[in-house]
Amino acid sequence: LSPLPLNNRTILAGLEALLASCSYAFAVVYARTRFKGIAPLHVAVGQLCGSSLILTPISFFAIRDEFPSIIVIVSVVALAVICTSLAYLIYVRLVAN
């Protein structure tokens, strides 16, 4: 038995995960054809800067009543800069090869 109840919220979350997977699959095909011959570092930096420009204004509407602590902010920045950047660089190199 699952610890999660089977309700609309759980089903929607599952569908969102499937949609994200399909999005990554289409992105690989698109990136391989569209960005052929461009350095993987440039593609990774462009993707990360573009997503940051889109998501940063949205994040101000998602902040709750109190501002996040400095530990939370530093953790999110570290995850974004170190983990996500490195993962995207590896991902784009794999797509290029």
PDB file of N, CA and C in Angstrom:
ATOM      1  N   LEU A   1       0.818  -1.184   0.000  1.00  0.00           N
ATOM      2  CA  LEU A   1       0.000   0.000   0.000  1.00  0.00           C
ATOM      3  C   LEU A   1       0.865   1.252   0.000  1.00  0.00           C
ATOM      4  N   SER A   2       0.380   2.263  -0.670  1.00  0.00           N
ATOM      5  CA  SER A   2       1.104   3.519  -0.749  1.00  0.00           C
ATOM      6  C   SER A   2       0.765   4.419   0.438  1.00  0.00           C
ATOM      7  N   PRO A   3       1.758   5.135   0.965  1.00  0.00           N
ATOM      8  CA  PRO A   3       1.462   6.078   2.048  1.00  0.00           C
ATOM      9  C   PRO A   3       0.738   7.331   1.549  1.00  0.00           C
ATOM     10  N   LEU A   4       0.714   7.534   0.239  1.00  0.00           N
ATOM     11  CA  LEU A   4       0.035   8.698  -0.326  1.00  0.00           C
ATOM     12  C   LEU A   4      -1.397   8.343  -0.698  1.00  0.00           C
ATOM     13  N   PRO A   5      -2.322   9.206  -0.382  1.00  0.00           N
ATOM     14  CA  PRO A   5      -3.709   8.941  -0.794  1.00  0.00           C
ATOM     15  C   PRO A   5      -3.852   9.176  -2.301  1.00  0.00           C
ATOM     16  N   LEU A   6      -4.668   8.373  -2.942  1.00  0.00           N
ATOM     17  CA  LEU A   6      -4.910   8.549  -4.365  1.00  0.00           C
ATOM     18  C   LEU A   6      -6.037   9.567  -4.539  1.00  0.00           C
ATOM     19  N   ASN A   7      -5.625  10.816  -4.739  1.00  0.00           N
ATOM     20  CA  ASN A   7      -6.596  11.887  -4.928  1.00  0.00           C
ATOM     21  C   ASN A   7      -6.161  12.740  -6.118  1.00  0.00           C
ATOM     22  N   ASN A   8      -6.888  13.791  -6.389  1.00  0.00           N
ATOM     23  CA  ASN A   8      -6.584  14.643  -7.546  1.00  0.00           C
ATOM     24  C   ASN A   8      -5.186  15.246  -7.473  1.00  0.00           C
ATOM     25  N   ARG A   9      -4.767  15.623  -6.293  1.00  0.00           N
ATOM     26  CA  ARG A   9      -3.448  16.243  -6.123  1.00  0.00           C
ATOM     27  C   ARG A   9      -2.322  15.256  -6.447  1.00  0.00           C
ATOM     28  N   THR A  10      -2.447  14.020  -5.999  1.00  0.00           N
ATOM     29  CA  THR A  10      -1.436  12.995  -6.260  1.00  0.00           C
ATOM     30  C   THR A  10      -1.389  12.648  -7.747  1.00  0.00           C
ATOM     31  N   ILE A  11      -2.553  12.516  -8.351  1.00  0.00           N
ATOM     32  CA  ILE A  11      -2.609  12.208  -9.785  1.00  0.00           C
ATOM     33  C   ILE A  11      -2.006  13.352 -10.599  1.00  0.00           C
ATOM     34  N   LEU A  12      -2.304  14.580 -10.233  1.00  0.00           N
ATOM     35  CA  LEU A  12      -1.744  15.737 -10.931  1.00  0.00           C
ATOM     36  C   LEU A  12      -0.223  15.768 -10.799  1.00  0.00           C
ATOM     37  N   ALA A  13       0.288  15.450  -9.629  1.00  0.00           N
ATOM     38  CA  ALA A  13       1.740  15.415  -9.433  1.00  0.00           C
ATOM     39  C   ALA A  13       2.387  14.356 -10.321  1.00  0.00           C
ATOM     40  N   GLY A  14       1.763  13.198 -10.432  1.00  0.00           N
ATOM     41  CA  GLY A  14       2.283  12.147 -11.305  1.00  0.00           C
ATOM     42  C   GLY A  14       2.277  12.561 -12.764  1.00  0.00           C
ATOM     43  N   LEU A  15       1.194  13.211 -13.189  1.00  0.00           N
ATOM     44  CA  LEU A  15       1.121  13.694 -14.566  1.00  0.00           C
ATOM     45  C   LEU A  15       2.151  14.781 -14.839  1.00  0.00           C
ATOM     46  N   GLU A  16       2.406  15.630 -13.861  1.00  0.00           N
ATOM     47  CA  GLU A  16       3.430  16.664 -14.019  1.00  0.00           C
ATOM     48  C   GLU A  16       4.821  16.045 -14.158  1.00  0.00           C
ATOM     49  N   ALA A  17       5.088  14.978 -13.419  1.00  0.00           N
ATOM     50  CA  ALA A  17       6.371  14.283 -13.543  1.00  0.00           C
ATOM     51  C   ALA A  17       6.518  13.667 -14.937  1.00  0.00           C
ATOM     52  N   LEU A  18       5.446  13.079 -15.462  1.00  0.00           N
ATOM     53  CA  LEU A  18       5.481  12.534 -16.820  1.00  0.00           C
ATOM     54  C   LEU A  18       5.686  13.632 -17.859  1.00  0.00           C
ATOM     55  N   LEU A  19       5.036  14.765 -17.674  1.00  0.00           N
ATOM     56  CA  LEU A  19       5.197  15.890 -18.587  1.00  0.00           C
ATOM     57  C   LEU A  19       6.635  16.409 -18.561  1.00  0.00           C
ATOM     58  N   ALA A  20       7.247  16.468 -17.382  1.00  0.00           N
ATOM     59  CA  ALA A  20       8.641  16.910 -17.278  1.00  0.00           C
ATOM     60  C   ALA A  20       9.567  15.938 -18.004  1.00  0.00           C
ATOM     61  N   SER A  21       9.311  14.645 -17.875  1.00  0.00           N
ATOM     62  CA  SER A  21      10.132  13.643 -18.569  1.00  0.00           C
ATOM     63  C   SER A  21      10.012  13.778 -20.082  1.00  0.00           C
ATOM     64  N   CYS A  22       8.805  13.976 -20.562  1.00  0.00           N
ATOM     65  CA  CYS A  22       8.597  14.173 -22.005  1.00  0.00           C
ATOM     66  C   CYS A  22       9.280  15.450 -22.479  1.00  0.00           C
ATOM     67  N   SER A  23       9.245  16.476 -21.655  1.00  0.00           N
ATOM     68  CA  SER A  23       9.894  17.738 -22.003  1.00  0.00           C
ATOM     69  C   SER A  23      11.403  17.554 -22.157  1.00  0.00           C
ATOM     70  N   TYR A  24      12.009  16.802 -21.245  1.00  0.00           N
ATOM     71  CA  TYR A  24      13.445  16.522 -21.360  1.00  0.00           C
ATOM     72  C   TYR A  24      13.740  15.722 -22.621  1.00  0.00           C
ATOM     73  N   ALA A  25      12.890  14.765 -22.965  1.00  0.00           N
ATOM     74  CA  ALA A  25      13.113  13.960 -24.168  1.00  0.00           C
ATOM     75  C   ALA A  25      13.062  14.819 -25.427  1.00  0.00           C
ATOM     76  N   PHE A  26      12.064  15.693 -25.521  1.00  0.00           N
ATOM     77  CA  PHE A  26      11.985  16.585 -26.683  1.00  0.00           C
ATOM     78  C   PHE A  26      13.135  17.582 -26.693  1.00  0.00           C
ATOM     79  N   ALA A  27      13.572  18.011 -25.525  1.00  0.00           N
ATOM     80  CA  ALA A  27      14.670  18.980 -25.446  1.00  0.00           C
ATOM     81  C   ALA A  27      15.968  18.393 -25.984  1.00  0.00           C
ATOM     82  N   VAL A  28      16.194  17.104 -25.739  1.00  0.00           N
ATOM     83  CA  VAL A  28      17.417  16.465 -26.244  1.00  0.00           C
ATOM     84  C   VAL A  28      17.426  16.478 -27.767  1.00  0.00           C
ATOM     85  N   VAL A  29      16.317  16.103 -28.359  1.00  0.00           N
ATOM     86  CA  VAL A  29      16.233  16.075 -29.824  1.00  0.00           C
ATOM     87  C   VAL A  29      16.386  17.485 -30.386  1.00  0.00           C
ATOM     88  N   TYR A  30      15.721  18.446 -29.783  1.00  0.00           N
ATOM     89  CA  TYR A  30      15.804  19.831 -30.248  1.00  0.00           C
ATOM     90  C   TYR A  30      17.222  20.378 -30.099  1.00  0.00           C
ATOM     91  N   ALA A  31      17.843  20.153 -28.939  1.00  0.00           N
ATOM     92  CA  ALA A  31      19.191  20.681 -28.698  1.00  0.00           C
ATOM     93  C   ALA A  31      20.207  20.055 -29.638  1.00  0.00           C
ATOM     94  N   ARG A  32      20.049  18.769 -29.916  1.00  0.00           N
ATOM     95  CA  ARG A  32      21.004  18.090 -30.790  1.00  0.00           C
ATOM     96  C   ARG A  32      20.957  18.667 -32.203  1.00  0.00           C
ATOM     97  N   THR A  33      19.773  19.010 -32.681  1.00  0.00           N
ATOM     98  CA  THR A  33      19.669  19.542 -34.047  1.00  0.00           C
ATOM     99  C   THR A  33      19.901  21.052 -34.102  1.00  0.00           C
ATOM    100  N   ARG A  34      19.404  21.777 -33.134  1.00  0.00           N
ATOM    101  CA  ARG A  34      19.462  23.240 -33.174  1.00  0.00           C
ATOM    102  C   ARG A  34      20.828  23.794 -32.789  1.00  0.00           C
ATOM    103  N   PHE A  35      21.493  23.190 -31.834  1.00  0.00           N
ATOM    104  CA  PHE A  35      22.741  23.743 -31.303  1.00  0.00           C
ATOM    105  C   PHE A  35      23.962  22.953 -31.738  1.00  0.00           C
ATOM    106  N   LYS A  36      23.867  22.293 -32.872  1.00  0.00           N
ATOM    107  CA  LYS A  36      24.997  21.522 -33.381  1.00  0.00           C
ATOM    108  C   LYS A  36      26.143  22.465 -33.727  1.00  0.00           C
ATOM    109  N   GLY A  37      27.330  22.144 -33.268  1.00  0.00           N
ATOM    110  CA  GLY A  37      28.500  22.962 -33.555  1.00  0.00           C
ATOM    111  C   GLY A  37      28.756  24.069 -32.543  1.00  0.00           C
ATOM    112  N   ILE A  38      27.869  24.241 -31.589  1.00  0.00           N
ATOM    113  CA  ILE A  38      28.067  25.257 -30.546  1.00  0.00           C
ATOM    114  C   ILE A  38      28.671  24.569 -29.330  1.00  0.00           C
ATOM    115  N   ALA A  39      29.605  25.238 -28.685  1.00  0.00           N
ATOM    116  CA  ALA A  39      30.286  24.656 -27.527  1.00  0.00           C
ATOM    117  C   ALA A  39      29.282  24.305 -26.427  1.00  0.00           C
ATOM    118  N   PRO A  40      29.414  23.116 -25.824  1.00  0.00           N
ATOM    119  CA  PRO A  40      28.488  22.714 -24.756  1.00  0.00           C
ATOM    120  C   PRO A  40      28.421  23.713 -23.603  1.00  0.00           C
ATOM    121  N   LEU A  41      29.546  24.350 -23.276  1.00  0.00           N
ATOM    122  CA  LEU A  41      29.544  25.333 -22.200  1.00  0.00           C
ATOM    123  C   LEU A  41      28.630  26.508 -22.531  1.00  0.00           C
ATOM    124  N   HIS A  42      28.654  26.957 -23.770  1.00  0.00           N
ATOM    125  CA  HIS A  42      27.799  28.081 -24.177  1.00  0.00           C
ATOM    126  C   HIS A  42      26.320  27.703 -24.130  1.00  0.00           C
ATOM    127  N   VAL A  43      26.000  26.492 -24.543  1.00  0.00           N
ATOM    128  CA  VAL A  43      24.611  26.046 -24.507  1.00  0.00           C
ATOM    129  C   VAL A  43      24.128  25.935 -23.062  1.00  0.00           C
ATOM    130  N   ALA A  44      24.962  25.357 -22.192  1.00  0.00           N
ATOM    131  CA  ALA A  44      24.579  25.198 -20.782  1.00  0.00           C
ATOM    132  C   ALA A  44      24.384  26.555 -20.111  1.00  0.00           C
ATOM    133  N   VAL A  45      25.296  27.483 -20.349  1.00  0.00           N
ATOM    134  CA  VAL A  45      25.179  28.825 -19.757  1.00  0.00           C
ATOM    135  C   VAL A  45      23.927  29.524 -20.282  1.00  0.00           C
ATOM    136  N   GLY A  46      23.659  29.392 -21.558  1.00  0.00           N
ATOM    137  CA  GLY A  46      22.469  30.013 -22.133  1.00  0.00           C
ATOM    138  C   GLY A  46      21.181  29.454 -21.546  1.00  0.00           C
ATOM    139  N   GLN A  47      21.116  28.125 -21.370  1.00  0.00           N
ATOM    140  CA  GLN A  47      19.921  27.517 -20.786  1.00  0.00           C
ATOM    141  C   GLN A  47      19.719  27.969 -19.344  1.00  0.00           C
ATOM    142  N   LEU A  48      20.782  27.993 -18.572  1.00  0.00           N
ATOM    143  CA  LEU A  48      20.666  28.374 -17.170  1.00  0.00           C
ATOM    144  C   LEU A  48      20.318  29.856 -17.010  1.00  0.00           C
ATOM    145  N   CYS A  49      20.911  30.707 -17.827  1.00  0.00           N
ATOM    146  CA  CYS A  49      20.585  32.139 -17.743  1.00  0.00           C
ATOM    147  C   CYS A  49      19.144  32.392 -18.173  1.00  0.00           C
ATOM    148  N   GLY A  50      18.713  31.717 -19.224  1.00  0.00           N
ATOM    149  CA  GLY A  50      17.339  31.881 -19.691  1.00  0.00           C
ATOM    150  C   GLY A  50      16.327  31.434 -18.654  1.00  0.00           C
ATOM    151  N   SER A  51      16.563  30.278 -18.055  1.00  0.00           N
ATOM    152  CA  SER A  51      15.625  29.791 -17.039  1.00  0.00           C
ATOM    153  C   SER A  51      15.647  30.682 -15.802  1.00  0.00           C
ATOM    154  N   SER A  52      16.801  31.209 -15.457  1.00  0.00           N
ATOM    155  CA  SER A  52      16.885  32.109 -14.304  1.00  0.00           C
ATOM    156  C   SER A  52      16.112  33.398 -14.549  1.00  0.00           C
ATOM    157  N   LEU A  53      16.203  33.920 -15.763  1.00  0.00           N
ATOM    158  CA  LEU A  53      15.465  35.140 -16.094  1.00  0.00           C
ATOM    159  C   LEU A  53      13.953  34.918 -16.037  1.00  0.00           C
ATOM    160  N   ILE A  54      13.517  33.731 -16.396  1.00  0.00           N
ATOM    161  CA  ILE A  54      12.087  33.436 -16.360  1.00  0.00           C
ATOM    162  C   ILE A  54      11.608  33.177 -14.934  1.00  0.00           C
ATOM    163  N   LEU A  55      12.388  32.414 -14.158  1.00  0.00           N
ATOM    164  CA  LEU A  55      11.924  31.973 -12.842  1.00  0.00           C
ATOM    165  C   LEU A  55      12.136  32.982 -11.719  1.00  0.00           C
ATOM    166  N   THR A  56      13.098  33.878 -11.845  1.00  0.00           N
ATOM    167  CA  THR A  56      13.366  34.824 -10.763  1.00  0.00           C
ATOM    168  C   THR A  56      12.172  35.726 -10.459  1.00  0.00           C
ATOM    169  N   PRO A  57      11.541  36.358 -11.450  1.00  0.00           N
ATOM    170  CA  PRO A  57      10.369  37.184 -11.110  1.00  0.00           C
ATOM    171  C   PRO A  57       9.218  36.363 -10.521  1.00  0.00           C
ATOM    172  N   ILE A  58       9.052  35.143 -10.997  1.00  0.00           N
ATOM    173  CA  ILE A  58       7.981  34.279 -10.484  1.00  0.00           C
ATOM    174  C   ILE A  58       8.220  33.936  -9.021  1.00  0.00           C
ATOM    175  N   SER A  59       9.477  33.788  -8.638  1.00  0.00           N
ATOM    176  CA  SER A  59       9.789  33.392  -7.263  1.00  0.00           C
ATOM    177  C   SER A  59       9.357  34.445  -6.237  1.00  0.00           C
ATOM    178  N   PHE A  60       9.287  35.689  -6.625  1.00  0.00           N
ATOM    179  CA  PHE A  60       8.862  36.718  -5.681  1.00  0.00           C
ATOM    180  C   PHE A  60       7.391  36.589  -5.304  1.00  0.00           C
ATOM    181  N   PHE A  61       6.612  35.997  -6.183  1.00  0.00           N
ATOM    182  CA  PHE A  61       5.199  35.769  -5.874  1.00  0.00           C
ATOM    183  C   PHE A  61       4.986  34.519  -5.032  1.00  0.00           C
ATOM    184  N   ALA A  62       5.988  33.642  -4.994  1.00  0.00           N
ATOM    185  CA  ALA A  62       5.864  32.380  -4.256  1.00  0.00           C
ATOM    186  C   ALA A  62       6.371  32.491  -2.821  1.00  0.00           C
ATOM    187  N   ILE A  63       6.989  33.611  -2.453  1.00  0.00           N
ATOM    188  CA  ILE A  63       7.526  33.765  -1.103  1.00  0.00           C
ATOM    189  C   ILE A  63       6.375  33.872  -0.109  1.00  0.00           C
ATOM    190  N   ARG A  64       6.502  33.156   0.964  1.00  0.00           N
ATOM    191  CA  ARG A  64       5.448  33.126   1.982  1.00  0.00           C
ATOM    192  C   ARG A  64       5.495  34.388   2.847  1.00  0.00           C
ATOM    193  N   ASP A  65       4.813  34.338   3.965  1.00  0.00           N
ATOM    194  CA  ASP A  65       4.694  35.503   4.844  1.00  0.00           C
ATOM    195  C   ASP A  65       6.035  35.988   5.381  1.00  0.00           C
ATOM    196  N   GLU A  66       6.914  35.062   5.705  1.00  0.00           N
ATOM    197  CA  GLU A  66       8.216  35.485   6.229  1.00  0.00           C
ATOM    198  C   GLU A  66       9.308  35.197   5.210  1.00  0.00           C
ATOM    199  N   PHE A  67      10.333  36.014   5.228  1.00  0.00           N
ATOM    200  CA  PHE A  67      11.445  35.881   4.290  1.00  0.00           C
ATOM    201  C   PHE A  67      12.288  34.668   4.677  1.00  0.00           C
ATOM    202  N   PRO A  68      12.802  33.900   3.707  1.00  0.00           N
ATOM    203  CA  PRO A  68      13.620  32.731   4.046  1.00  0.00           C
ATOM    204  C   PRO A  68      14.886  33.132   4.795  1.00  0.00           C
ATOM    205  N   SER A  69      15.374  32.226   5.619  1.00  0.00           N
ATOM    206  CA  SER A  69      16.588  32.496   6.391  1.00  0.00           C
ATOM    207  C   SER A  69      17.801  32.509   5.468  1.00  0.00           C
ATOM    208  N   ILE A  70      18.900  33.044   5.966  1.00  0.00           N
ATOM    209  CA  ILE A  70      20.129  33.125   5.175  1.00  0.00           C
ATOM    210  C   ILE A  70      20.652  31.734   4.843  1.00  0.00           C
ATOM    211  N   ILE A  71      20.433  30.769   5.728  1.00  0.00           N
ATOM    212  CA  ILE A  71      20.873  29.394   5.465  1.00  0.00           C
ATOM    213  C   ILE A  71      20.108  28.821   4.270  1.00  0.00           C
ATOM    214  N   VAL A  72      18.820  29.089   4.197  1.00  0.00           N
ATOM    215  CA  VAL A  72      18.009  28.611   3.073  1.00  0.00           C
ATOM    216  C   VAL A  72      18.473  29.270   1.778  1.00  0.00           C
ATOM    217  N   ILE A  73      18.707  30.552   1.809  1.00  0.00           N
ATOM    218  CA  ILE A  73      19.134  31.271   0.606  1.00  0.00           C
ATOM    219  C   ILE A  73      20.486  30.767   0.125  1.00  0.00           C
ATOM    220  N   VAL A  74      21.436  30.607   1.030  1.00  0.00           N
ATOM    221  CA  VAL A  74      22.766  30.107   0.657  1.00  0.00           C
ATOM    222  C   VAL A  74      22.669  28.684   0.113  1.00  0.00           C
ATOM    223  N   SER A  75      21.827  27.861   0.710  1.00  0.00           N
ATOM    224  CA  SER A  75      21.661  26.479   0.242  1.00  0.00           C
ATOM    225  C   SER A  75      21.099  26.435  -1.169  1.00  0.00           C
ATOM    226  N   VAL A  76      20.100  27.250  -1.442  1.00  0.00           N
ATOM    227  CA  VAL A  76      19.499  27.273  -2.776  1.00  0.00           C
ATOM    228  C   VAL A  76      20.505  27.785  -3.807  1.00  0.00           C
ATOM    229  N   VAL A  77      21.246  28.821  -3.468  1.00  0.00           N
ATOM    230  CA  VAL A  77      22.256  29.352  -4.386  1.00  0.00           C
ATOM    231  C   VAL A  77      23.349  28.312  -4.630  1.00  0.00           C
ATOM    232  N   ALA A  78      23.784  27.617  -3.591  1.00  0.00           N
ATOM    233  CA  ALA A  78      24.806  26.585  -3.757  1.00  0.00           C
ATOM    234  C   ALA A  78      24.302  25.458  -4.653  1.00  0.00           C
ATOM    235  N   LEU A  79      23.064  25.027  -4.444  1.00  0.00           N
ATOM    236  CA  LEU A  79      22.499  23.987  -5.304  1.00  0.00           C
ATOM    237  C   LEU A  79      22.421  24.457  -6.753  1.00  0.00           C
ATOM    238  N   ALA A  80      22.030  25.694  -6.947  1.00  0.00           N
ATOM    239  CA  ALA A  80      21.901  26.213  -8.310  1.00  0.00           C
ATOM    240  C   ALA A  80      23.252  26.361  -8.987  1.00  0.00           C
ATOM    241  N   VAL A  81      24.197  26.965  -8.284  1.00  0.00           N
ATOM    242  CA  VAL A  81      25.481  27.268  -8.904  1.00  0.00           C
ATOM    243  C   VAL A  81      26.339  26.018  -9.075  1.00  0.00           C
ATOM    244  N   ILE A  82      26.433  25.218  -8.040  1.00  0.00           N
ATOM    245  CA  ILE A  82      27.340  24.069  -8.090  1.00  0.00           C
ATOM    246  C   ILE A  82      26.676  22.866  -8.758  1.00  0.00           C
ATOM    247  N   CYS A  83      25.599  22.395  -8.184  1.00  0.00           N
ATOM    248  CA  CYS A  83      24.993  21.140  -8.641  1.00  0.00           C
ATOM    249  C   CYS A  83      24.324  21.266  -9.999  1.00  0.00           C
ATOM    250  N   THR A  84      23.446  22.229 -10.147  1.00  0.00           N
ATOM    251  CA  THR A  84      22.701  22.357 -11.392  1.00  0.00           C
ATOM    252  C   THR A  84      23.613  22.743 -12.546  1.00  0.00           C
ATOM    253  N   SER A  85      24.527  23.665 -12.317  1.00  0.00           N
ATOM    254  CA  SER A  85      25.433  24.085 -13.389  1.00  0.00           C
ATOM    255  C   SER A  85      26.294  22.927 -13.861  1.00  0.00           C
ATOM    256  N   LEU A  86      26.834  22.176 -12.942  1.00  0.00           N
ATOM    257  CA  LEU A  86      27.664  21.027 -13.308  1.00  0.00           C
ATOM    258  C   LEU A  86      26.840  19.969 -14.027  1.00  0.00           C
ATOM    259  N   ALA A  87      25.637  19.716 -13.545  1.00  0.00           N
ATOM    260  CA  ALA A  87      24.773  18.719 -14.178  1.00  0.00           C
ATOM    261  C   ALA A  87      24.404  19.140 -15.608  1.00  0.00           C
ATOM    262  N   TYR A  88      24.091  20.408 -15.805  1.00  0.00           N
ATOM    263  CA  TYR A  88      23.752  20.871 -17.149  1.00  0.00           C
ATOM    264  C   TYR A  88      24.940  20.796 -18.084  1.00  0.00           C
ATOM    265  N   LEU A  89      26.117  21.097 -17.601  1.00  0.00           N
ATOM    266  CA  LEU A  89      27.308  21.008 -18.438  1.00  0.00           C
ATOM    267  C   LEU A  89      27.528  19.567 -18.889  1.00  0.00           C
ATOM    268  N   ILE A  90      27.405  18.618 -17.979  1.00  0.00           N
ATOM    269  CA  ILE A  90      27.545  17.194 -18.329  1.00  0.00           C
ATOM    270  C   ILE A  90      26.443  16.778 -19.296  1.00  0.00           C
ATOM    271  N   TYR A  91      25.212  17.205 -19.030  1.00  0.00           N
ATOM    272  CA  TYR A  91      24.078  16.871 -19.874  1.00  0.00           C
ATOM    273  C   TYR A  91      24.269  17.373 -21.302  1.00  0.00           C
ATOM    274  N   VAL A  92      24.703  18.612 -21.463  1.00  0.00           N
ATOM    275  CA  VAL A  92      24.864  19.186 -22.790  1.00  0.00           C
ATOM    276  C   VAL A  92      26.017  18.498 -23.520  1.00  0.00           C
ATOM    277  N   ARG A  93      27.060  18.141 -22.811  1.00  0.00           N
ATOM    278  CA  ARG A  93      28.152  17.404 -23.465  1.00  0.00           C
ATOM    279  C   ARG A  93      27.700  16.030 -23.940  1.00  0.00           C
ATOM    280  N   LEU A  94      26.869  15.373 -23.141  1.00  0.00           N
ATOM    281  CA  LEU A  94      26.327  14.082 -23.558  1.00  0.00           C
ATOM    282  C   LEU A  94      25.462  14.228 -24.802  1.00  0.00           C
ATOM    283  N   VAL A  95      24.633  15.259 -24.830  1.00  0.00           N
ATOM    284  CA  VAL A  95      23.779  15.501 -26.005  1.00  0.00           C
ATOM    285  C   VAL A  95      24.634  15.784 -27.228  1.00  0.00           C
ATOM    286  N   ALA A  96      25.692  16.552 -27.062  1.00  0.00           N
ATOM    287  CA  ALA A  96      26.568  16.897 -28.190  1.00  0.00           C
ATOM    288  C   ALA A  96      27.273  15.660 -28.751  1.00  0.00           C
ATOM    289  N   ASN A  97      27.611  14.723 -27.872  1.00  0.00           N
ATOM    290  CA  ASN A  97      28.308  13.512 -28.323  1.00  0.00           C
ATOM    291  C   ASN A  97      27.327  12.489 -28.837  1.00  0.00           C
TER     292      ASN A  97
END
